[in-house]
Amino acid sequence: MDFLEDLYRQSHSTSEVDGVWVSTTDIKVENEWVLSDGSAASYLNWHTGQPDKEFDYDDCVQVWPNLGFQWNDVYCIYSYWFYCEYEL
């Protein structure tokens, strides 16, 4: 995750955006966090008290830049910057 933090810091001020999407979700099976390709998430970095499922539809993961790049579960319809993964 340090790579993503460094990339974010190089291209954005932490005050610019409320969060950044990572391709992790539990939309199919509650509390089974998987990546967009369906593989199990091997890295989790939840902020204290997260995931809290404040709402039943908090099925996506948002990275909070202002809180040490820790994670929050949130409704998937919000607009945030996002990280993409691809093979070179």
C-alpha atoms as a PDB file:
ATOM      1  CA  MET A   1       0.000   0.000   0.000  1.00  0.00           C
ATOM      2  CA  ASP A   2       2.961   2.351   0.443  1.00  0.00           C
ATOM      3  CA  PHE A   3       3.207   2.568  -3.339  1.00  0.00           C
ATOM      4  CA  LEU A   4      -0.403   3.788  -3.572  1.00  0.00           C
ATOM      5  CA  GLU A   5       0.118   6.301  -0.773  1.00  0.00           C
ATOM      6  CA  ASP A   6       3.213   7.677  -2.503  1.00  0.00           C
ATOM      7  CA  LEU A   7       1.384   7.867  -5.828  1.00  0.00           C
ATOM      8  CA  TYR A   8      -1.525   9.698  -4.231  1.00  0.00           C
ATOM      9  CA  ARG A   9       0.715  12.164  -2.401  1.00  0.00           C
ATOM     10  CA  GLN A  10       2.569  12.964  -5.628  1.00  0.00           C
ATOM     11  CA  SER A  11      -0.611  13.767  -7.533  1.00  0.00           C
ATOM     12  CA  HIS A  12      -3.063  15.179  -4.943  1.00  0.00           C
ATOM     13  CA  SER A  13      -3.254  17.306  -1.876  1.00  0.00           C
ATOM     14  CA  THR A  14      -4.831  15.310   0.965  1.00  0.00           C
ATOM     15  CA  SER A  15      -7.405  18.097   1.302  1.00  0.00           C
ATOM     16  CA  GLU A  16      -8.500  17.780  -2.352  1.00  0.00           C
ATOM     17  CA  VAL A  17     -10.497  14.581  -2.119  1.00  0.00           C
ATOM     18  CA  ASP A  18     -12.597  12.808   0.476  1.00  0.00           C
ATOM     19  CA  GLY A  19     -11.395   9.381  -0.487  1.00  0.00           C
ATOM     20  CA  VAL A  20     -10.091   6.992  -3.084  1.00  0.00           C
ATOM     21  CA  TRP A  21     -11.714   3.749  -4.218  1.00  0.00           C
ATOM     22  CA  VAL A  22      -9.789   0.486  -4.079  1.00  0.00           C
ATOM     23  CA  SER A  23     -11.165  -2.549  -5.877  1.00  0.00           C
ATOM     24  CA  THR A  24     -12.302  -4.365  -2.745  1.00  0.00           C
ATOM     25  CA  THR A  25     -15.920  -5.256  -2.030  1.00  0.00           C
ATOM     26  CA  ASP A  26     -18.185  -7.587  -0.077  1.00  0.00           C
ATOM     27  CA  ILE A  27     -21.206  -6.996  -2.303  1.00  0.00           C
ATOM     28  CA  LYS A  28     -21.726 -10.713  -3.055  1.00  0.00           C
ATOM     29  CA  VAL A  29     -21.062 -12.213   0.401  1.00  0.00           C
ATOM     30  CA  GLU A  30     -21.290 -10.054   3.526  1.00  0.00           C
ATOM     31  CA  ASN A  31     -17.876  -9.593   5.240  1.00  0.00           C
ATOM     32  CA  GLU A  32     -16.075 -11.620   2.577  1.00  0.00           C
ATOM     33  CA  TRP A  33     -13.860  -8.941   1.068  1.00  0.00           C
ATOM     34  CA  VAL A  34     -12.694  -9.702  -2.460  1.00  0.00           C
ATOM     35  CA  LEU A  35     -10.950  -7.839  -5.247  1.00  0.00           C
ATOM     36  CA  SER A  36     -12.656  -6.887  -8.501  1.00  0.00           C
ATOM     37  CA  ASP A  37     -11.238 -10.030 -10.150  1.00  0.00           C
ATOM     38  CA  GLY A  38     -12.961 -12.185  -7.491  1.00  0.00           C
ATOM     39  CA  SER A  39      -9.813 -13.185  -5.619  1.00  0.00           C
ATOM     40  CA  ALA A  40      -9.727 -12.897  -1.827  1.00  0.00           C
ATOM     41  CA  ALA A  41      -8.329  -9.646  -0.471  1.00  0.00           C
ATOM     42  CA  SER A  42      -4.991 -10.570   1.103  1.00  0.00           C
ATOM     43  CA  TYR A  43      -4.358  -7.066   2.443  1.00  0.00           C
ATOM     44  CA  LEU A  44      -6.800  -5.170   4.672  1.00  0.00           C
ATOM     45  CA  ASN A  45      -6.120  -1.809   6.300  1.00  0.00           C
ATOM     46  CA  TRP A  46      -9.323  -0.869   8.163  1.00  0.00           C
ATOM     47  CA  HIS A  47      -9.533   2.317  10.205  1.00  0.00           C
ATOM     48  CA  THR A  48     -10.454   1.725  13.857  1.00  0.00           C
ATOM     49  CA  GLY A  49     -14.107   0.647  14.076  1.00  0.00           C
ATOM     50  CA  GLN A  50     -14.316  -0.295  10.388  1.00  0.00           C
ATOM     51  CA  PRO A  51     -15.911  -1.962   8.619  1.00  0.00           C
ATOM     52  CA  ASP A  52     -18.916  -0.786  10.568  1.00  0.00           C
ATOM     53  CA  LYS A  53     -21.731  -1.460   8.075  1.00  0.00           C
ATOM     54  CA  GLU A  54     -23.340   1.796   9.169  1.00  0.00           C
ATOM     55  CA  PHE A  55     -25.727   1.134   6.303  1.00  0.00           C
ATOM     56  CA  ASP A  56     -26.649  -2.268   4.854  1.00  0.00           C
ATOM     57  CA  TYR A  57     -25.332  -1.202   1.467  1.00  0.00           C
ATOM     58  CA  ASP A  58     -21.790  -0.242   2.595  1.00  0.00           C
ATOM     59  CA  ASP A  59     -20.176  -2.794   0.295  1.00  0.00           C
ATOM     60  CA  CYS A  60     -17.186  -0.959  -1.198  1.00  0.00           C
ATOM     61  CA  VAL A  61     -13.885   0.241   0.232  1.00  0.00           C
ATOM     62  CA  GLN A  62     -12.780   3.855   0.375  1.00  0.00           C
ATOM     63  CA  VAL A  63      -9.252   4.859   1.407  1.00  0.00           C
ATOM     64  CA  TRP A  64      -9.135   7.899   3.677  1.00  0.00           C
ATOM     65  CA  PRO A  65      -6.051   9.991   2.806  1.00  0.00           C
ATOM     66  CA  ASN A  66      -6.516  12.239   5.858  1.00  0.00           C
ATOM     67  CA  LEU A  67      -6.487   9.254   8.245  1.00  0.00           C
ATOM     68  CA  GLY A  68      -3.264   7.561   7.290  1.00  0.00           C
ATOM     69  CA  PHE A  69      -4.752   5.924   4.195  1.00  0.00           C
ATOM     70  CA  GLN A  70      -6.801   3.529   6.264  1.00  0.00           C
ATOM     71  CA  TRP A  71     -10.027   2.017   4.959  1.00  0.00           C
ATOM     72  CA  ASN A  72     -13.725   2.684   5.401  1.00  0.00           C
ATOM     73  CA  ASP A  73     -16.657   0.629   4.119  1.00  0.00           C
ATOM     74  CA  VAL A  74     -19.021   2.844   2.172  1.00  0.00           C
ATOM     75  CA  TYR A  75     -21.905   2.822  -0.297  1.00  0.00           C
ATOM     76  CA  CYS A  76     -20.600   2.065  -3.798  1.00  0.00           C
ATOM     77  CA  ILE A  77     -22.391   4.944  -5.591  1.00  0.00           C
ATOM     78  CA  TYR A  78     -20.202   7.815  -4.376  1.00  0.00           C
ATOM     79  CA  SER A  79     -17.741   9.514  -6.732  1.00  0.00           C
ATOM     80  CA  TYR A  80     -14.103   9.274  -5.689  1.00  0.00           C
ATOM     81  CA  TRP A  81     -10.754   8.995  -7.392  1.00  0.00           C
ATOM     82  CA  PHE A  82      -9.786   5.367  -7.874  1.00  0.00           C
ATOM     83  CA  TYR A  83      -6.804   3.088  -8.231  1.00  0.00           C
ATOM     84  CA  CYS A  84      -6.594   0.654 -11.133  1.00  0.00           C
ATOM     85  CA  GLU A  85      -4.462  -2.434 -11.477  1.00  0.00           C
ATOM     86  CA  TYR A  86      -3.227  -3.757 -14.803  1.00  0.00           C
ATOM     87  CA  GLU A  87      -0.491  -5.988 -16.117  1.00  0.00           C
ATOM     88  CA  LEU A  88       2.363  -4.395 -18.028  1.00  0.00           C
END
